[in-house]
Protein backbone atom coordinates (compact mmCIF):
# COMPACT_ATOMS: atom_id res chain seq x y z
CA MET A 1 0.00 0.00 0.00
CA VAL A 2 1.35 3.43 -0.95
CA ASP A 3 1.86 5.89 1.92
CA SER A 4 -0.45 8.83 1.17
CA ARG A 5 1.93 11.17 3.02
CA ASN A 6 4.35 10.80 0.10
CA GLU A 7 1.68 11.81 -2.45
CA LYS A 8 1.28 15.38 -1.22
CA THR A 9 3.53 18.34 -0.58
CA LEU A 10 5.06 17.93 2.85
CA THR A 11 3.71 20.33 5.47
CA VAL A 12 5.84 22.19 8.00
CA VAL A 13 5.30 24.36 11.08
CA ILE A 14 8.22 26.67 11.93
CA ALA A 15 8.55 27.61 15.61
CA ASP A 16 11.18 30.20 16.53
CA ASP A 17 10.92 33.40 18.55
CA HIS A 18 12.97 35.39 16.00
CA GLN A 19 10.98 36.57 12.99
CA ILE A 20 14.05 36.91 10.79
CA VAL A 21 14.89 33.25 11.41
CA ARG A 22 11.36 32.14 10.55
CA GLN A 23 11.35 34.22 7.38
CA GLY A 24 14.70 32.86 6.24
CA LEU A 25 13.64 29.27 6.85
CA ARG A 26 10.29 29.79 5.11
CA ILE A 27 11.93 31.18 1.98
CA ALA A 28 14.44 28.34 1.80
CA LEU A 29 12.00 25.52 2.57
CA GLU A 30 9.36 26.77 0.13
CA THR A 31 11.84 27.20 -2.74
CA PRO A 32 11.64 24.27 -5.19
CA GLY A 33 14.86 22.31 -5.41
CA ILE A 34 16.41 23.22 -2.05
CA VAL A 35 14.80 20.43 0.01
CA THR A 36 12.40 18.78 -2.43
CA ASP A 37 11.67 19.28 -6.12
CA GLU A 38 8.34 20.95 -5.38
CA GLY A 39 9.30 22.75 -2.17
CA LEU A 40 7.67 22.34 1.24
CA ASN A 41 4.34 23.80 2.38
CA ILE A 42 4.78 26.06 5.42
CA VAL A 43 1.33 25.88 6.99
CA ALA A 44 2.05 28.02 10.07
CA GLU A 45 4.65 29.90 12.09
CA ALA A 46 4.90 30.22 15.87
CA GLU A 47 6.94 32.55 18.08
CA ASN A 48 6.51 30.76 21.41
CA GLY A 49 5.88 27.32 22.85
CA PHE A 50 2.13 27.71 23.30
CA GLU A 51 1.66 28.86 19.72
CA ALA A 52 3.82 25.99 18.44
CA LEU A 53 1.69 23.38 20.16
CA ALA A 54 -1.55 25.06 19.08
CA GLU A 55 -0.47 25.14 15.43
CA VAL A 56 0.61 21.50 15.54
CA LYS A 57 -2.75 20.47 16.97
CA VAL A 58 -4.57 22.30 14.17
CA HIS A 59 -2.40 21.32 11.20
CA GLN A 60 -0.91 17.94 12.23
CA PRO A 61 2.15 18.77 10.06
CA ASP A 62 4.64 16.32 8.64
CA VAL A 63 7.46 18.31 10.26
CA LEU A 64 7.79 20.70 13.21
CA LEU A 65 10.97 22.76 12.96
CA LEU A 66 11.46 23.82 16.58
CA ASP A 67 13.78 26.15 18.48
CA ILE A 68 14.01 24.76 22.01
CA SER A 69 14.70 28.18 23.59
CA MET A 70 11.42 30.04 23.26
CA PRO A 71 9.16 31.96 25.66
CA MET A 72 5.98 30.46 27.11
CA SER A 73 6.73 26.76 27.50
CA GLY A 74 10.22 25.40 26.96
CA GLY A 75 11.13 23.40 23.89
CA ALA A 76 11.54 20.16 25.83
CA GLU A 77 7.96 20.45 27.07
CA VAL A 78 6.71 21.21 23.55
CA VAL A 79 8.42 18.05 22.30
CA LEU A 80 6.55 15.89 24.80
CA ASP A 81 3.21 17.55 24.05
CA VAL A 82 3.66 17.30 20.27
CA GLN A 83 4.47 13.62 20.56
CA ARG A 84 1.21 13.22 22.47
CA TRP A 85 -1.07 15.31 20.21
CA SER A 86 0.50 14.67 16.80
CA PRO A 87 2.56 11.47 17.00
CA LYS A 88 3.21 11.32 13.24
CA THR A 89 4.84 14.77 13.20
CA ARG A 90 8.61 14.57 12.78
CA ILE A 91 10.23 16.94 15.29
CA VAL A 92 13.40 18.67 14.07
CA ILE A 93 15.33 20.83 16.53
CA LEU A 94 17.25 23.89 15.36
CA THR A 95 19.14 25.40 18.28
CA GLY A 96 22.01 27.61 19.33
CA ILE A 97 22.59 25.53 22.47
CA ASN A 98 25.45 23.04 22.31
CA ALA A 99 25.62 21.75 25.89
CA PRO A 100 26.08 17.94 25.99
CA GLY A 101 23.35 17.53 28.59
CA GLN A 102 20.76 19.30 26.46
CA ILE A 103 21.68 17.33 23.34
CA ALA A 104 21.50 14.05 25.27
CA GLN A 105 18.04 14.93 26.58
CA LEU A 106 16.79 15.67 23.07
CA LEU A 107 18.06 12.34 21.79
CA GLU A 108 16.46 10.56 24.72
CA ALA A 109 13.18 12.28 23.81
CA ASN A 110 13.39 10.66 20.35
CA VAL A 111 13.34 13.79 18.22
CA SER A 112 13.95 13.10 14.53
CA GLY A 113 16.71 15.65 13.96
CA VAL A 114 18.97 18.07 15.83
CA PHE A 115 20.79 20.87 14.00
CA SER A 116 22.86 23.85 15.11
CA LYS A 117 22.04 27.45 14.22
CA GLY A 118 25.78 28.04 14.16
CA ASP A 119 26.34 25.57 11.32
CA ASP A 120 25.77 25.84 7.59
CA LEU A 121 22.04 25.16 7.18
CA SER A 122 22.69 23.19 4.02
CA GLU A 123 23.16 20.22 6.36
CA LEU A 124 19.56 20.70 7.51
CA TYR A 125 18.19 21.05 3.98
CA GLN A 126 20.10 18.02 2.69
CA ASN A 127 18.84 15.74 5.45
CA LEU A 128 15.20 16.81 5.80
CA PRO A 129 14.10 14.32 3.09
CA LEU A 130 15.73 11.50 5.07
CA ILE A 131 13.92 12.64 8.21
CA THR A 132 10.51 12.90 6.53
CA GLN A 133 10.96 9.34 5.28
CA GLY A 134 11.38 8.06 8.85
CA GLY A 135 15.12 8.52 9.32
CA ARG A 136 16.99 10.38 12.02
CA TYR A 137 19.90 12.79 11.72
CA ILE A 138 22.11 14.51 14.29
CA ALA A 139 24.34 17.34 13.08
CA GLU A 140 28.00 16.43 12.84
CA SER A 141 28.95 19.21 15.25
CA PHE A 142 26.63 17.74 17.90
CA GLU A 143 27.90 14.22 17.28
CA ALA A 144 31.38 15.54 18.04
CA VAL A 145 30.18 17.15 21.28
CA LEU A 146 28.59 13.88 22.45
CA GLN A 147 31.64 11.82 21.54
CA ALA A 148 33.81 14.19 23.57
CA GLN A 149 31.61 13.59 26.63
CA PRO A 150 30.10 10.12 26.17
CA ASN A 151 28.98 9.71 29.80
CA THR A 152 26.58 12.64 29.95
CA PRO A 153 23.76 11.67 32.36
CA VAL A 154 20.32 11.28 30.83
CA LEU A 155 17.32 12.28 32.94
CA THR A 156 13.87 10.72 32.82
CA GLY A 157 10.90 12.88 31.86
CA ARG A 158 9.80 13.06 35.50
CA GLU A 159 13.29 14.00 36.63
CA ARG A 160 13.40 16.82 34.06
CA GLN A 161 10.02 18.11 35.28
CA THR A 162 11.20 18.00 38.88
CA LEU A 163 14.45 19.76 38.00
CA ASN A 164 12.67 22.63 36.26
CA MET A 165 10.36 23.11 39.24
CA ILE A 166 13.27 23.08 41.68
CA VAL A 167 15.00 25.73 39.58
CA ALA A 168 11.75 27.76 39.61
CA GLY A 169 11.94 27.74 43.42
CA LYS A 170 8.98 25.45 44.13
CA THR A 171 8.87 23.44 47.36
CA ASN A 172 8.44 19.66 47.49
CA LYS A 173 4.80 20.20 48.46
CA GLU A 174 4.16 22.52 45.51
CA ILE A 175 5.88 20.13 43.11
CA ALA A 176 3.85 17.24 44.47
CA GLN A 177 0.60 19.12 43.97
CA GLN A 178 1.46 20.06 40.39
CA LEU A 179 2.63 16.56 39.42
CA VAL A 180 -0.12 14.85 41.44
CA ILE A 181 2.35 12.72 43.40
CA SER A 182 3.32 12.58 47.07
CA PRO A 183 5.97 14.87 48.61
CA LYS A 184 7.88 11.69 49.50
CA THR A 185 8.02 10.74 45.81
CA VAL A 186 9.21 14.24 44.95
CA ASP A 187 11.99 13.87 47.49
CA LYS A 188 12.99 10.58 45.84
CA HIS A 189 13.18 12.32 42.45
CA ARG A 190 15.25 15.12 43.96
CA THR A 191 17.65 12.61 45.54
CA SER A 192 17.88 10.66 42.29
CA LEU A 193 18.71 13.86 40.39
CA MET A 194 21.53 14.78 42.74
CA GLU A 195 22.99 11.27 42.69
CA LYS A 196 22.78 10.96 38.91
CA LEU A 197 24.39 14.37 38.37
CA ASP A 198 26.90 13.87 41.22
CA VAL A 199 26.02 17.08 43.07
CA HIS A 200 25.55 17.54 46.79
CA SER A 201 23.40 20.63 47.25
CA VAL A 202 20.60 22.46 45.52
CA ALA A 203 23.04 25.24 44.58
CA GLU A 204 25.33 22.72 42.86
CA LEU A 205 22.31 21.14 41.18
CA LEU A 206 21.21 24.48 39.74
CA ALA A 207 24.72 25.37 38.61
CA TYR A 208 25.12 22.02 36.85
CA ALA A 209 21.71 22.27 35.20
CA PHE A 210 22.42 25.73 33.76
CA ARG A 211 25.94 24.81 32.65
CA GLU A 212 24.85 21.63 30.86
CA GLY A 213 21.78 23.19 29.24
CA LEU A 214 19.36 20.93 31.10
CA ILE A 215 17.10 23.90 31.71
CA ASP A 216 16.60 27.14 29.82
CA PRO A 217 17.20 30.33 31.88
CA ASP A 218 14.83 32.32 29.64
CA HIS A 219 12.03 29.87 30.40
CA LEU A 220 12.18 30.90 34.09
CA LEU A 221 11.51 34.59 33.50
């Protein structure tokens, strides 16, 4: 049986909080011959996390091109929500962050592609067809970063949620209420985080998280 997704122009949502970036990507992706012979169909743009998820829910695009450092819901949270609401959408990350911890978390979240804003975007354009056909591609620059630090700890989804709430200054009780778990379970997650990251205080935990890109400082404002 022929996959009907291959019989139509591929649809894309671009999510980035910089208009000039969105415009540049739109022009390139829509131009015939750069990614596909017919060009891609940009069905929507979004400048923050909430808009990105809303547009994905409406359009169910083939590809979401996502900056993970945007206002109003961090990129990591958008990834999880998109996978829930539009599981066939291929999530491609385009980011300026190159911290090993952040890259490892994205790979653990099973995104389809990770590219650097600091690299030549021809690498993105050349590999989008592979990604839309079910493949996965990690930029060479990020592969080098991971190989240089192969033992970067990988956090579970619950541990990442707990970490972001700790950074936001929430107490165990407040975290428990928001996650609908017991304060004792929150304490177990907190202990697990500190052991996994080999830190011994909340201050060290926060410093490590910022340094390794496990949380986005802009998302806390």
